[in-house]
C-alpha atoms as a PDB file:
ATOM      1  CA  MET A   1       0.000   0.000   0.000  1.00  0.00           C
ATOM      2  CA  ARG A   2       1.404   3.352  -1.027  1.00  0.00           C
ATOM      3  CA  LYS A   3       1.016   5.932   1.728  1.00  0.00           C
ATOM      4  CA  VAL A   4       0.689   9.195  -0.152  1.00  0.00           C
ATOM      5  CA  PHE A   5       0.498  11.126   3.136  1.00  0.00           C
ATOM      6  CA  TRP A   6       4.250  10.500   3.430  1.00  0.00           C
ATOM      7  CA  ASP A   7       5.088  11.391  -0.181  1.00  0.00           C
ATOM      8  CA  ASN A   8       2.900  14.497  -0.159  1.00  0.00           C
ATOM      9  CA  PRO A   9       1.155  15.354   3.132  1.00  0.00           C
ATOM     10  CA  TYR A  10      -0.450  18.367   1.418  1.00  0.00           C
ATOM     11  CA  GLN A  11      -2.506  16.231  -0.997  1.00  0.00           C
ATOM     12  CA  THR A  12      -6.170  16.318  -0.011  1.00  0.00           C
ATOM     13  CA  SER A  13      -7.855  14.095  -2.617  1.00  0.00           C
ATOM     14  CA  LEU A  14      -6.986  10.841  -4.342  1.00  0.00           C
ATOM     15  CA  THR A  15      -8.480   8.522  -6.935  1.00  0.00           C
ATOM     16  CA  THR A  16      -7.475   4.919  -6.336  1.00  0.00           C
ATOM     17  CA  MET A  17      -8.730   1.323  -6.427  1.00  0.00           C
ATOM     18  CA  VAL A  18     -10.114  -1.044  -3.807  1.00  0.00           C
ATOM     19  CA  ARG A  19      -7.824  -4.046  -3.220  1.00  0.00           C
ATOM     20  CA  SER A  20     -10.092  -6.028  -0.937  1.00  0.00           C
ATOM     21  CA  VAL A  21     -13.383  -5.824   0.923  1.00  0.00           C
ATOM     22  CA  VAL A  22     -14.390  -7.842   3.975  1.00  0.00           C
ATOM     23  CA  GLY A  23     -17.750  -6.615   5.203  1.00  0.00           C
ATOM     24  CA  ASN A  24     -17.293  -2.929   5.969  1.00  0.00           C
ATOM     25  CA  ARG A  25     -13.485  -3.199   6.070  1.00  0.00           C
ATOM     26  CA  ILE A  26     -11.812  -1.770   2.973  1.00  0.00           C
ATOM     27  CA  LEU A  27      -8.219  -2.006   1.764  1.00  0.00           C
ATOM     28  CA  LEU A  28      -7.085   0.473  -0.906  1.00  0.00           C
ATOM     29  CA  GLU A  29      -4.155   0.443  -3.337  1.00  0.00           C
ATOM     30  CA  GLU A  30      -3.098   3.887  -2.057  1.00  0.00           C
ATOM     31  CA  THR A  31      -4.178   6.221   0.707  1.00  0.00           C
ATOM     32  CA  ILE A  32      -3.922   9.850   1.800  1.00  0.00           C
ATOM     33  CA  ALA A  33      -5.622   9.257   5.180  1.00  0.00           C
ATOM     34  CA  PHE A  34      -3.268   8.887   8.151  1.00  0.00           C
ATOM     35  CA  SER A  35      -4.324   6.343  10.780  1.00  0.00           C
ATOM     36  CA  PHE A  36      -3.689   6.871  14.512  1.00  0.00           C
ATOM     37  CA  SER A  37      -0.042   6.137  15.234  1.00  0.00           C
ATOM     38  CA  GLY A  38       2.701   7.502  17.454  1.00  0.00           C
ATOM     39  CA  GLY A  39       0.182   9.576  19.380  1.00  0.00           C
ATOM     40  CA  GLN A  40      -1.060  11.454  16.286  1.00  0.00           C
ATOM     41  CA  GLU A  41      -4.819  11.198  15.765  1.00  0.00           C
ATOM     42  CA  SER A  42      -6.279   9.861  12.520  1.00  0.00           C
ATOM     43  CA  ASP A  43      -7.352  12.106   9.681  1.00  0.00           C
ATOM     44  CA  LYS A  44     -11.045  12.627   9.044  1.00  0.00           C
ATOM     45  CA  ALA A  45     -11.670  11.181   5.600  1.00  0.00           C
ATOM     46  CA  THR A  46     -14.334  10.097   3.131  1.00  0.00           C
ATOM     47  CA  ILE A  47     -14.357   7.402   0.467  1.00  0.00           C
ATOM     48  CA  ASN A  48     -16.828   8.150  -2.334  1.00  0.00           C
ATOM     49  CA  ASP A  49     -18.315  10.767   0.026  1.00  0.00           C
ATOM     50  CA  MET A  50     -18.982   8.125   2.701  1.00  0.00           C
ATOM     51  CA  PRO A  51     -17.360   8.844   6.070  1.00  0.00           C
ATOM     52  CA  VAL A  52     -14.485   6.654   7.206  1.00  0.00           C
ATOM     53  CA  LEU A  53     -15.737   5.470  10.592  1.00  0.00           C
ATOM     54  CA  ASP A  54     -12.501   3.905  11.784  1.00  0.00           C
ATOM     55  CA  SER A  55      -9.082   2.807  10.576  1.00  0.00           C
ATOM     56  CA  GLU A  56      -6.706   0.068  11.670  1.00  0.00           C
ATOM     57  CA  ILE A  57      -3.027  -0.493  10.957  1.00  0.00           C
ATOM     58  CA  SER A  58      -2.056  -4.100  10.281  1.00  0.00           C
ATOM     59  CA  GLY A  59       1.600  -4.571   9.402  1.00  0.00           C
ATOM     60  CA  ASN A  60       2.294  -2.133   6.571  1.00  0.00           C
ATOM     61  CA  LEU A  61      -1.383  -1.881   5.588  1.00  0.00           C
ATOM     62  CA  ILE A  62      -4.218   0.400   6.698  1.00  0.00           C
ATOM     63  CA  TYR A  63      -7.802  -0.869   6.665  1.00  0.00           C
ATOM     64  CA  TYR A  64     -10.726   1.585   6.654  1.00  0.00           C
ATOM     65  CA  SER A  65     -14.222   0.919   7.999  1.00  0.00           C
ATOM     66  CA  LEU A  66     -17.190   2.314   6.079  1.00  0.00           C
ATOM     67  CA  PRO A  67     -20.926   2.467   6.862  1.00  0.00           C
ATOM     68  CA  ASP A  68     -23.263  -0.407   6.002  1.00  0.00           C
ATOM     69  CA  GLY A  69     -24.388  -0.527   2.404  1.00  0.00           C
ATOM     70  CA  HIS A  70     -21.219   1.034   0.975  1.00  0.00           C
ATOM     71  CA  GLY A  71     -21.551  -1.063  -2.201  1.00  0.00           C
ATOM     72  CA  LEU A  72     -17.824  -1.328  -2.871  1.00  0.00           C
ATOM     73  CA  GLU A  73     -15.993  -4.431  -4.079  1.00  0.00           C
ATOM     74  CA  ALA A  74     -12.450  -5.339  -5.057  1.00  0.00           C
ATOM     75  CA  GLY A  75     -11.541  -3.482  -8.242  1.00  0.00           C
ATOM     76  CA  SER A  76     -13.891  -0.544  -7.599  1.00  0.00           C
ATOM     77  CA  HIS A  77     -12.417   2.862  -8.378  1.00  0.00           C
ATOM     78  CA  VAL A  78     -12.978   5.324  -5.548  1.00  0.00           C
ATOM     79  CA  SER A  79     -12.283   8.897  -4.555  1.00  0.00           C
ATOM     80  CA  MET A  80     -10.781   9.606  -1.134  1.00  0.00           C
ATOM     81  CA  LYS A  81     -10.746  13.058   0.486  1.00  0.00           C
ATOM     82  CA  ILE A  82      -9.434  14.321   3.813  1.00  0.00           C
ATOM     83  CA  ASP A  83     -10.342  17.253   6.039  1.00  0.00           C
ATOM     84  CA  TRP A  84      -7.431  19.561   5.195  1.00  0.00           C
ATOM     85  CA  GLN A  85      -7.884  22.039   8.045  1.00  0.00           C
ATOM     86  CA  ARG A  86      -7.695  19.210  10.559  1.00  0.00           C
ATOM     87  CA  ARG A  87      -4.674  17.638   8.805  1.00  0.00           C
ATOM     88  CA  PHE A  88      -2.740  20.907   8.758  1.00  0.00           C
ATOM     89  CA  LYS A  89      -3.357  21.550  12.461  1.00  0.00           C
ATOM     90  CA  LEU A  90      -2.297  17.983  13.287  1.00  0.00           C
ATOM     91  CA  MET A  91       0.892  18.345  11.227  1.00  0.00           C
ATOM     92  CA  ARG A  92       1.800  21.626  12.887  1.00  0.00           C
ATOM     93  CA  LEU A  93       1.052  20.435  16.421  1.00  0.00           C
ATOM     94  CA  HIS A  94       2.847  17.151  15.800  1.00  0.00           C
ATOM     95  CA  PHE A  95       6.044  18.917  14.878  1.00  0.00           C
ATOM     96  CA  ALA A  96       5.676  21.498  17.632  1.00  0.00           C
ATOM     97  CA  ALA A  97       5.503  18.579  20.077  1.00  0.00           C
ATOM     98  CA  GLU A  98       8.548  16.958  18.440  1.00  0.00           C
ATOM     99  CA  LEU A  99      10.576  20.158  18.865  1.00  0.00           C
ATOM    100  CA  ILE A 100       9.516  20.637  22.489  1.00  0.00           C
ATOM    101  CA  LEU A 101      10.321  16.992  23.222  1.00  0.00           C
ATOM    102  CA  GLU A 102      13.825  17.356  21.778  1.00  0.00           C
ATOM    103  CA  LEU A 103      14.477  20.546  23.732  1.00  0.00           C
ATOM    104  CA  VAL A 104      13.156  19.156  27.044  1.00  0.00           C
ATOM    105  CA  THR A 105      15.197  15.962  26.639  1.00  0.00           C
ATOM    106  CA  ARG A 106      18.371  17.971  25.996  1.00  0.00           C
ATOM    107  CA  LYS A 107      17.843  20.250  28.964  1.00  0.00           C
ATOM    108  CA  LEU A 108      16.652  17.780  31.584  1.00  0.00           C
ATOM    109  CA  GLY A 109      17.546  14.337  30.249  1.00  0.00           C
ATOM    110  CA  VAL A 110      14.082  13.087  31.276  1.00  0.00           C
ATOM    111  CA  GLU A 111      12.187  10.188  29.718  1.00  0.00           C
ATOM    112  CA  LYS A 112       9.052  10.618  27.621  1.00  0.00           C
ATOM    113  CA  ILE A 113       6.289   8.271  28.753  1.00  0.00           C
ATOM    114  CA  GLY A 114       3.435   9.338  26.504  1.00  0.00           C
ATOM    115  CA  ALA A 115       2.185  11.767  23.893  1.00  0.00           C
ATOM    116  CA  HIS A 116      -1.036  12.683  22.128  1.00  0.00           C
ATOM    117  CA  ILE A 117      -1.571  15.028  19.190  1.00  0.00           C
ATOM    118  CA  ALA A 118      -5.129  16.228  18.637  1.00  0.00           C
ATOM    119  CA  GLU A 119      -6.538  19.005  16.480  1.00  0.00           C
ATOM    120  CA  SER A 120      -6.753  21.547  19.307  1.00  0.00           C
ATOM    121  CA  LYS A 121      -3.604  20.743  21.304  1.00  0.00           C
ATOM    122  CA  ALA A 122      -0.754  18.313  21.814  1.00  0.00           C
ATOM    123  CA  ARG A 123       0.627  16.903  25.033  1.00  0.00           C
ATOM    124  CA  ILE A 124       3.808  15.149  26.099  1.00  0.00           C
ATOM    125  CA  ASP A 125       4.220  13.302  29.400  1.00  0.00           C
ATOM    126  CA  PHE A 126       7.560  12.820  31.140  1.00  0.00           C
ATOM    127  CA  TYR A 127       9.009  11.131  34.169  1.00  0.00           C
ATOM    128  CA  CYS A 128      10.203  14.274  35.930  1.00  0.00           C
ATOM    129  CA  ASP A 129      10.679  15.098  39.611  1.00  0.00           C
ATOM    130  CA  GLN A 130      10.662  18.871  39.234  1.00  0.00           C
ATOM    131  CA  ASN A 131       8.187  21.523  38.119  1.00  0.00           C
ATOM    132  CA  ILE A 132       8.823  21.450  34.386  1.00  0.00           C
ATOM    133  CA  SER A 133       7.395  24.944  33.874  1.00  0.00           C
ATOM    134  CA  SER A 134      10.612  26.334  35.372  1.00  0.00           C
ATOM    135  CA  ILE A 135      12.317  25.808  32.000  1.00  0.00           C
ATOM    136  CA  PHE A 136       9.447  27.117  29.833  1.00  0.00           C
ATOM    137  CA  PRO A 137      11.067  30.543  29.196  1.00  0.00           C
ATOM    138  CA  GLU A 138      14.260  28.868  27.916  1.00  0.00           C
ATOM    139  CA  LEU A 139      12.275  26.311  25.929  1.00  0.00           C
ATOM    140  CA  LEU A 140      10.197  28.947  24.176  1.00  0.00           C
ATOM    141  CA  GLU A 141      13.229  31.096  23.433  1.00  0.00           C
ATOM    142  CA  GLU A 142      14.980  28.201  21.690  1.00  0.00           C
ATOM    143  CA  TYR A 143      11.765  26.982  20.051  1.00  0.00           C
ATOM    144  CA  ASN A 144      10.965  30.460  18.682  1.00  0.00           C
ATOM    145  CA  THR A 145      14.483  30.798  17.274  1.00  0.00           C
ATOM    146  CA  ILE A 146      14.047  27.519  15.360  1.00  0.00           C
ATOM    147  CA  VAL A 147      10.636  28.563  14.026  1.00  0.00           C
ATOM    148  CA  ALA A 148      11.840  32.033  12.994  1.00  0.00           C
ATOM    149  CA  ALA A 149      14.793  30.511  11.119  1.00  0.00           C
ATOM    150  CA  ASP A 150      12.366  28.794   8.689  1.00  0.00           C
ATOM    151  CA  LEU A 151      14.524  25.663   8.587  1.00  0.00           C
ATOM    152  CA  PRO A 152      13.658  22.910   6.079  1.00  0.00           C
ATOM    153  CA  ILE A 153      12.311  19.687   7.593  1.00  0.00           C
ATOM    154  CA  ILE A 154      13.658  16.621   5.789  1.00  0.00           C
ATOM    155  CA  LYS A 155      11.476  13.483   5.846  1.00  0.00           C
ATOM    156  CA  ASP A 156      12.450  10.080   4.440  1.00  0.00           C
ATOM    157  CA  PHE A 157      12.734   6.344   5.046  1.00  0.00           C
ATOM    158  CA  SER A 158      15.378   4.907   7.337  1.00  0.00           C
ATOM    159  CA  ASP A 159      14.128   1.404   6.447  1.00  0.00           C
ATOM    160  CA  VAL A 160      11.983   1.089   3.313  1.00  0.00           C
ATOM    161  CA  ASP A 161      11.077  -2.592   3.745  1.00  0.00           C
ATOM    162  CA  ASN A 162       9.749  -2.064   7.274  1.00  0.00           C
ATOM    163  CA  GLN A 163       8.414   1.418   6.436  1.00  0.00           C
ATOM    164  CA  ARG A 164      10.328   3.197   9.174  1.00  0.00           C
ATOM    165  CA  ARG A 165      10.591   6.944   8.742  1.00  0.00           C
ATOM    166  CA  TYR A 166      12.470   9.882  10.251  1.00  0.00           C
ATOM    167  CA  TRP A 167      12.510  13.665  10.223  1.00  0.00           C
ATOM    168  CA  GLU A 168      15.657  15.750  10.284  1.00  0.00           C
ATOM    169  CA  ILE A 169      16.673  19.358  10.711  1.00  0.00           C
ATOM    170  CA  LYS A 170      20.284  19.649   9.622  1.00  0.00           C
ATOM    171  CA  GLY A 171      22.504  20.655  12.515  1.00  0.00           C
ATOM    172  CA  PHE A 172      19.719  20.149  15.072  1.00  0.00           C
ATOM    173  CA  SER A 173      18.384  16.602  15.208  1.00  0.00           C
ATOM    174  CA  LYS A 174      17.389  13.442  13.325  1.00  0.00           C
ATOM    175  CA  VAL A 175      14.469  11.578  14.906  1.00  0.00           C
ATOM    176  CA  PRO A 176      12.568   8.368  14.028  1.00  0.00           C
ATOM    177  CA  CYS A 177       8.943   9.308  13.276  1.00  0.00           C
ATOM    178  CA  GLY A 178       6.180   8.057  10.987  1.00  0.00           C
ATOM    179  CA  GLY A 179       3.786  10.980  11.322  1.00  0.00           C
ATOM    180  CA  THR A 180       2.881  13.688   8.828  1.00  0.00           C
ATOM    181  CA  HIS A 181       5.070  16.792   8.815  1.00  0.00           C
ATOM    182  CA  VAL A 182       5.130  20.279   7.345  1.00  0.00           C
ATOM    183  CA  LYS A 183       7.915  21.439   5.033  1.00  0.00           C
ATOM    184  CA  SER A 184       9.625  23.952   7.307  1.00  0.00           C
ATOM    185  CA  THR A 185       9.754  25.150  10.894  1.00  0.00           C
ATOM    186  CA  ALA A 186       8.097  28.455   9.982  1.00  0.00           C
ATOM    187  CA  GLU A 187       4.945  26.558   8.982  1.00  0.00           C
ATOM    188  CA  VAL A 188       4.729  25.050  12.459  1.00  0.00           C
ATOM    189  CA  GLY A 189       4.286  28.476  14.032  1.00  0.00           C
ATOM    190  CA  TYR A 190       4.539  29.764  17.587  1.00  0.00           C
ATOM    191  CA  VAL A 191       3.000  28.038  20.583  1.00  0.00           C
ATOM    192  CA  THR A 192       2.007  28.383  24.220  1.00  0.00           C
ATOM    193  CA  LEU A 193       3.013  25.860  26.880  1.00  0.00           C
ATOM    194  CA  LYS A 194       1.056  24.767  29.935  1.00  0.00           C
ATOM    195  CA  ARG A 195       2.307  22.552  32.736  1.00  0.00           C
ATOM    196  CA  VAL A 196       0.006  19.883  34.215  1.00  0.00           C
ATOM    197  CA  ASN A 197       1.121  17.942  37.295  1.00  0.00           C
ATOM    198  CA  ILE A 198      -0.236  14.434  36.771  1.00  0.00           C
ATOM    199  CA  GLY A 199       1.333  13.095  39.987  1.00  0.00           C
ATOM    200  CA  GLY A 200       3.683  10.267  40.800  1.00  0.00           C
ATOM    201  CA  GLY A 201       6.810  12.024  39.616  1.00  0.00           C
ATOM    202  CA  LYS A 202       5.244  12.738  36.231  1.00  0.00           C
ATOM    203  CA  GLU A 203       4.847  16.045  34.429  1.00  0.00           C
ATOM    204  CA  ARG A 204       2.723  16.933  31.382  1.00  0.00           C
ATOM    205  CA  VAL A 205       3.384  19.710  28.890  1.00  0.00           C
ATOM    206  CA  GLU A 206       0.369  20.865  26.880  1.00  0.00           C
ATOM    207  CA  ILE A 207       1.097  22.679  23.609  1.00  0.00           C
ATOM    208  CA  LYS A 208      -1.290  24.958  21.726  1.00  0.00           C
ATOM    209  CA  LEU A 209      -0.790  26.936  18.521  1.00  0.00           C
ATOM    210  CA  ILE A 210      -0.985  30.706  18.970  1.00  0.00           C
ATOM    211  CA  ASN A 211      -2.406  31.058  15.436  1.00  0.00           C
ATOM    212  CA  PRO A 212      -4.188  27.769  14.738  1.00  0.00           C
ATOM    213  CA  ASP A 213      -5.802  28.891  11.447  1.00  0.00           C
END
């Protein structure tokens, strides 16, 4: 299955063919709709104007669930579309979270224990025994410098056969990641940070875009 959201995360529509159908579970030849992985929420998508109700990753394939009575069969040609506004916010917040994670790890050497990227905000959880907001001014200063520099974000395969991906900013970092990413740091934009104490020696950083639209 060709994942067009890696080749071109800005593509919002696609004409492709159905490879297999089992009940309401559809497998396509190609897809532009990202499925929940690495903490990043799934895209909202339609196939022939029918809503994708759910998606599931199995190996290197993504299966999509459609409503009853979809009428599709193997060999059917279909049109897939995604909600672009949602995708763009997810891409921006995903990379904002990646940058904050890199900066926190460098400053404190703490371990990430969870992350979630939604349309309205992202969060990263750490094992951390101090109030993480104490480093927010330094974090934002470094983050804002990276965003203002409009640095290109390189995305590619580290392992084609196993479909493992990475992003890289030359001179800053190279990180394994299979999400969708914008082209440059300027596209990510500026953010606000909020500390949430989730107890048990754990700290949460919530990230919101200052200009989400």
